[in-house]
């Protein structure tokens, strides 16, 4: 899912001002480091991962 978002993000940043975006939180799946790096490059904001303990 995040890879798809990154694919679309380049088009989105041409249309919308994302300067108010300060951080993004992701959960439920581990993100590849390339996704973290690319997100930061394109948006300038951090991408944080959160993992809960609801699945046993």
PDB file of N, CA and C in Angstrom:
ATOM      1  N   UNK A   1       0.822  -1.190   0.000  1.00  0.00           N
ATOM      2  CA  UNK A   1       0.000   0.000   0.000  1.00  0.00           C
ATOM      3  C   UNK A   1       0.868   1.257   0.000  1.00  0.00           C
ATOM      4  N   UNK A   2       1.881   1.286   0.844  1.00  0.00           N
ATOM      5  CA  UNK A   2       2.711   2.480   0.919  1.00  0.00           C
ATOM      6  C   UNK A   2       3.502   2.723  -0.363  1.00  0.00           C
ATOM      7  N   UNK A   3       3.875   1.647  -1.007  1.00  0.00           N
ATOM      8  CA  UNK A   3       4.565   1.821  -2.290  1.00  0.00           C
ATOM      9  C   UNK A   3       3.645   2.487  -3.310  1.00  0.00           C
ATOM     10  N   UNK A   4       2.386   2.128  -3.290  1.00  0.00           N
ATOM     11  CA  UNK A   4       1.411   2.751  -4.193  1.00  0.00           C
ATOM     12  C   UNK A   4       1.251   4.230  -3.853  1.00  0.00           C
ATOM     13  N   UNK A   5       1.202   4.547  -2.574  1.00  0.00           N
ATOM     14  CA  UNK A   5       1.100   5.939  -2.150  1.00  0.00           C
ATOM     15  C   UNK A   5       2.305   6.734  -2.645  1.00  0.00           C
ATOM     16  N   UNK A   6       3.489   6.156  -2.526  1.00  0.00           N
ATOM     17  CA  UNK A   6       4.680   6.840  -3.009  1.00  0.00           C
ATOM     18  C   UNK A   6       4.633   7.053  -4.511  1.00  0.00           C
ATOM     19  N   UNK A   7       4.108   6.080  -5.236  1.00  0.00           N
ATOM     20  CA  UNK A   7       3.968   6.226  -6.678  1.00  0.00           C
ATOM     21  C   UNK A   7       3.079   7.416  -7.031  1.00  0.00           C
ATOM     22  N   UNK A   8       2.022   7.596  -6.266  1.00  0.00           N
ATOM     23  CA  UNK A   8       1.081   8.678  -6.528  1.00  0.00           C
ATOM     24  C   UNK A   8       1.524  10.015  -5.942  1.00  0.00           C
ATOM     25  N   UNK A   9       2.404   9.959  -4.953  1.00  0.00           N
ATOM     26  CA  UNK A   9       2.780  11.163  -4.222  1.00  0.00           C
ATOM     27  C   UNK A   9       3.436  12.215  -5.111  1.00  0.00           C
ATOM     28  N   UNK A  10       4.244  11.806  -6.048  1.00  0.00           N
ATOM     29  CA  UNK A  10       4.888  12.772  -6.929  1.00  0.00           C
ATOM     30  C   UNK A  10       3.871  13.600  -7.700  1.00  0.00           C
ATOM     31  N   UNK A  11       2.798  12.974  -8.121  1.00  0.00           N
ATOM     32  CA  UNK A  11       1.735  13.711  -8.806  1.00  0.00           C
ATOM     33  C   UNK A  11       0.978  14.621  -7.845  1.00  0.00           C
ATOM     34  N   UNK A  12       0.752  14.144  -6.640  1.00  0.00           N
ATOM     35  CA  UNK A  12      -0.007  14.904  -5.645  1.00  0.00           C
ATOM     36  C   UNK A  12       0.745  16.167  -5.243  1.00  0.00           C
ATOM     37  N   UNK A  13       2.075  16.075  -5.054  1.00  0.00           N
ATOM     38  CA  UNK A  13       2.810  17.253  -4.596  1.00  0.00           C
ATOM     39  C   UNK A  13       2.873  18.342  -5.666  1.00  0.00           C
ATOM     40  N   UNK A  14       2.602  17.988  -6.903  1.00  0.00           N
ATOM     41  CA  UNK A  14       2.515  18.998  -7.959  1.00  0.00           C
ATOM     42  C   UNK A  14       1.216  19.797  -7.859  1.00  0.00           C
ATOM     43  N   UNK A  15       0.174  19.178  -7.291  1.00  0.00           N
ATOM     44  CA  UNK A  15      -1.144  19.810  -7.230  1.00  0.00           C
ATOM     45  C   UNK A  15      -1.454  20.462  -5.882  1.00  0.00           C
ATOM     46  N   UNK A  16      -0.887  19.914  -4.799  1.00  0.00           N
ATOM     47  CA  UNK A  16      -1.267  20.351  -3.457  1.00  0.00           C
ATOM     48  C   UNK A  16      -0.054  20.801  -2.656  1.00  0.00           C
ATOM     49  N   UNK A  17      -0.283  21.742  -1.770  1.00  0.00           N
ATOM     50  CA  UNK A  17       0.745  22.234  -0.871  1.00  0.00           C
ATOM     51  C   UNK A  17       0.755  21.360   0.376  1.00  0.00           C
ATOM     52  N   UNK A  18       1.802  20.578   0.555  1.00  0.00           N
ATOM     53  CA  UNK A  18       1.897  19.666   1.696  1.00  0.00           C
ATOM     54  C   UNK A  18       2.772  20.204   2.815  1.00  0.00           C
ATOM     55  N   UNK A  19       3.076  21.503   2.806  1.00  0.00           N
ATOM     56  CA  UNK A  19       3.958  22.056   3.828  1.00  0.00           C
ATOM     57  C   UNK A  19       3.389  21.963   5.236  1.00  0.00           C
ATOM     58  N   UNK A  20       2.080  21.870   5.372  1.00  0.00           N
ATOM     59  CA  UNK A  20       1.490  21.754   6.709  1.00  0.00           C
ATOM     60  C   UNK A  20       1.588  20.335   7.263  1.00  0.00           C
ATOM     61  N   UNK A  21       1.942  19.381   6.425  1.00  0.00           N
ATOM     62  CA  UNK A  21       2.093  17.992   6.855  1.00  0.00           C
ATOM     63  C   UNK A  21       3.370  17.876   7.674  1.00  0.00           C
ATOM     64  N   UNK A  22       3.260  17.456   8.935  1.00  0.00           N
ATOM     65  CA  UNK A  22       4.411  17.389   9.828  1.00  0.00           C
ATOM     66  C   UNK A  22       4.937  15.974  10.032  1.00  0.00           C
ATOM     67  N   UNK A  23       4.054  14.996  10.042  1.00  0.00           N
ATOM     68  CA  UNK A  23       4.476  13.611  10.197  1.00  0.00           C
ATOM     69  C   UNK A  23       3.381  12.700   9.679  1.00  0.00           C
ATOM     70  N   UNK A  24       3.763  11.460   9.461  1.00  0.00           N
ATOM     71  CA  UNK A  24       2.832  10.423   9.008  1.00  0.00           C
ATOM     72  C   UNK A  24       3.070   9.220   9.883  1.00  0.00           C
ATOM     73  N   UNK A  25       2.019   8.592  10.321  1.00  0.00           N
ATOM     74  CA  UNK A  25       2.121   7.400  11.151  1.00  0.00           C
ATOM     75  C   UNK A  25       1.597   6.213  10.364  1.00  0.00           C
ATOM     76  N   UNK A  26       2.347   5.150  10.389  1.00  0.00           N
ATOM     77  CA  UNK A  26       1.981   3.923   9.705  1.00  0.00           C
ATOM     78  C   UNK A  26       1.919   2.796  10.721  1.00  0.00           C
ATOM     79  N   UNK A  27       1.044   1.853  10.490  1.00  0.00           N
ATOM     80  CA  UNK A  27       0.934   0.705  11.394  1.00  0.00           C
ATOM     81  C   UNK A  27       0.505  -0.512  10.589  1.00  0.00           C
ATOM     82  N   UNK A  28       0.615  -1.655  11.194  1.00  0.00           N
ATOM     83  CA  UNK A  28       0.118  -2.929  10.671  1.00  0.00           C
ATOM     84  C   UNK A  28       1.083  -3.664   9.763  1.00  0.00           C
ATOM     85  N   UNK A  29       2.047  -2.986   9.163  1.00  0.00           N
ATOM     86  CA  UNK A  29       3.014  -3.697   8.338  1.00  0.00           C
ATOM     87  C   UNK A  29       4.377  -3.015   8.462  1.00  0.00           C
ATOM     88  N   UNK A  30       5.427  -3.797   8.350  1.00  0.00           N
ATOM     89  CA  UNK A  30       6.770  -3.229   8.346  1.00  0.00           C
ATOM     90  C   UNK A  30       7.011  -2.535   7.017  1.00  0.00           C
ATOM     91  N   UNK A  31       7.599  -1.362   7.097  1.00  0.00           N
ATOM     92  CA  UNK A  31       7.887  -0.613   5.880  1.00  0.00           C
ATOM     93  C   UNK A  31       9.340  -0.773   5.487  1.00  0.00           C
ATOM     94  N   UNK A  32       9.599  -0.974   4.225  1.00  0.00           N
ATOM     95  CA  UNK A  32      10.984  -1.037   3.763  1.00  0.00           C
ATOM     96  C   UNK A  32      11.669   0.321   3.968  1.00  0.00           C
ATOM     97  N   UNK A  33      12.976   0.298   4.214  1.00  0.00           N
ATOM     98  CA  UNK A  33      13.721   1.535   4.432  1.00  0.00           C
ATOM     99  C   UNK A  33      13.615   2.466   3.228  1.00  0.00           C
ATOM    100  N   UNK A  34      13.531   1.908   2.030  1.00  0.00           N
ATOM    101  CA  UNK A  34      13.409   2.751   0.834  1.00  0.00           C
ATOM    102  C   UNK A  34      12.131   3.580   0.871  1.00  0.00           C
ATOM    103  N   UNK A  35      11.066   3.044   1.457  1.00  0.00           N
ATOM    104  CA  UNK A  35       9.814   3.796   1.577  1.00  0.00           C
ATOM    105  C   UNK A  35      10.006   4.954   2.539  1.00  0.00           C
ATOM    106  N   UNK A  36      10.660   4.717   3.671  1.00  0.00           N
ATOM    107  CA  UNK A  36      10.944   5.796   4.628  1.00  0.00           C
ATOM    108  C   UNK A  36      11.747   6.912   3.963  1.00  0.00           C
ATOM    109  N   UNK A  37      12.809   6.536   3.285  1.00  0.00           N
ATOM    110  CA  UNK A  37      13.695   7.522   2.656  1.00  0.00           C
ATOM    111  C   UNK A  37      12.976   8.326   1.579  1.00  0.00           C
ATOM    112  N   UNK A  38      12.244   7.643   0.740  1.00  0.00           N
ATOM    113  CA  UNK A  38      11.556   8.330  -0.361  1.00  0.00           C
ATOM    114  C   UNK A  38      10.478   9.261   0.158  1.00  0.00           C
ATOM    115  N   UNK A  39       9.733   8.824   1.182  1.00  0.00           N
ATOM    116  CA  UNK A  39       8.703   9.668   1.788  1.00  0.00           C
ATOM    117  C   UNK A  39       9.327  10.960   2.291  1.00  0.00           C
ATOM    118  N   UNK A  40      10.443  10.841   3.022  1.00  0.00           N
ATOM    119  CA  UNK A  40      11.122  12.010   3.578  1.00  0.00           C
ATOM    120  C   UNK A  40      11.612  12.926   2.453  1.00  0.00           C
ATOM    121  N   UNK A  41      12.159  12.355   1.397  1.00  0.00           N
ATOM    122  CA  UNK A  41      12.626  13.150   0.257  1.00  0.00           C
ATOM    123  C   UNK A  41      11.496  13.951  -0.373  1.00  0.00           C
ATOM    124  N   UNK A  42      10.364  13.315  -0.569  1.00  0.00           N
ATOM    125  CA  UNK A  42       9.257  13.944  -1.280  1.00  0.00           C
ATOM    126  C   UNK A  42       8.456  14.918  -0.435  1.00  0.00           C
ATOM    127  N   UNK A  43       8.290  14.625   0.854  1.00  0.00           N
ATOM    128  CA  UNK A  43       7.412  15.456   1.680  1.00  0.00           C
ATOM    129  C   UNK A  43       8.149  16.327   2.680  1.00  0.00           C
ATOM    130  N   UNK A  44       9.360  15.919   3.063  1.00  0.00           N
ATOM    131  CA  UNK A  44      10.086  16.659   4.086  1.00  0.00           C
ATOM    132  C   UNK A  44       9.633  16.330   5.492  1.00  0.00           C
ATOM    133  N   UNK A  45       8.693  15.404   5.645  1.00  0.00           N
ATOM    134  CA  UNK A  45       8.212  15.047   6.978  1.00  0.00           C
ATOM    135  C   UNK A  45       8.576  13.599   7.297  1.00  0.00           C
ATOM    136  N   UNK A  46       8.564  13.305   8.583  1.00  0.00           N
ATOM    137  CA  UNK A  46       8.920  11.970   9.051  1.00  0.00           C
ATOM    138  C   UNK A  46       7.791  10.975   8.810  1.00  0.00           C
ATOM    139  N   UNK A  47       8.167   9.734   8.703  1.00  0.00           N
ATOM    140  CA  UNK A  47       7.228   8.624   8.584  1.00  0.00           C
ATOM    141  C   UNK A  47       7.520   7.677   9.740  1.00  0.00           C
ATOM    142  N   UNK A  48       6.611   7.615  10.702  1.00  0.00           N
ATOM    143  CA  UNK A  48       6.801   6.806  11.905  1.00  0.00           C
ATOM    144  C   UNK A  48       6.003   5.515  11.807  1.00  0.00           C
ATOM    145  N   UNK A  49       6.564   4.464  12.369  1.00  0.00           N
ATOM    146  CA  UNK A  49       5.875   3.185  12.419  1.00  0.00           C
ATOM    147  C   UNK A  49       5.420   2.898  13.844  1.00  0.00           C
ATOM    148  N   UNK A  50       4.231   2.366  13.967  1.00  0.00           N
ATOM    149  CA  UNK A  50       3.707   1.944  15.262  1.00  0.00           C
ATOM    150  C   UNK A  50       3.193   0.531  15.144  1.00  0.00           C
ATOM    151  N   UNK A  51       3.503  -0.281  16.116  1.00  0.00           N
ATOM    152  CA  UNK A  51       3.059  -1.670  16.113  1.00  0.00           C
ATOM    153  C   UNK A  51       2.380  -1.983  17.435  1.00  0.00           C
ATOM    154  N   UNK A  52       1.185  -2.484  17.367  1.00  0.00           N
ATOM    155  CA  UNK A  52       0.449  -2.852  18.576  1.00  0.00           C
ATOM    156  C   UNK A  52       0.619  -4.319  18.884  1.00  0.00           C
ATOM    157  N   UNK A  53       0.080  -4.713  19.991  1.00  0.00           N
ATOM    158  CA  UNK A  53       0.160  -6.098  20.413  1.00  0.00           C
ATOM    159  C   UNK A  53      -1.221  -6.738  20.431  1.00  0.00           C
ATOM    160  N   UNK A  54      -2.044  -6.394  19.462  1.00  0.00           N
ATOM    161  CA  UNK A  54      -3.404  -6.922  19.453  1.00  0.00           C
ATOM    162  C   UNK A  54      -3.508  -8.263  18.782  1.00  0.00           C
ATOM    163  N   UNK A  55      -2.550  -8.626  17.959  1.00  0.00           N
ATOM    164  CA  UNK A  55      -2.565  -9.931  17.317  1.00  0.00           C
ATOM    165  C   UNK A  55      -1.679 -10.894  18.104  1.00  0.00           C
ATOM    166  N   UNK A  56      -2.204 -12.064  18.409  1.00  0.00           N
ATOM    167  CA  UNK A  56      -1.432 -13.056  19.175  1.00  0.00           C
ATOM    168  C   UNK A  56      -1.329 -14.336  18.390  1.00  0.00           C
TER     169      UNK A  56
END
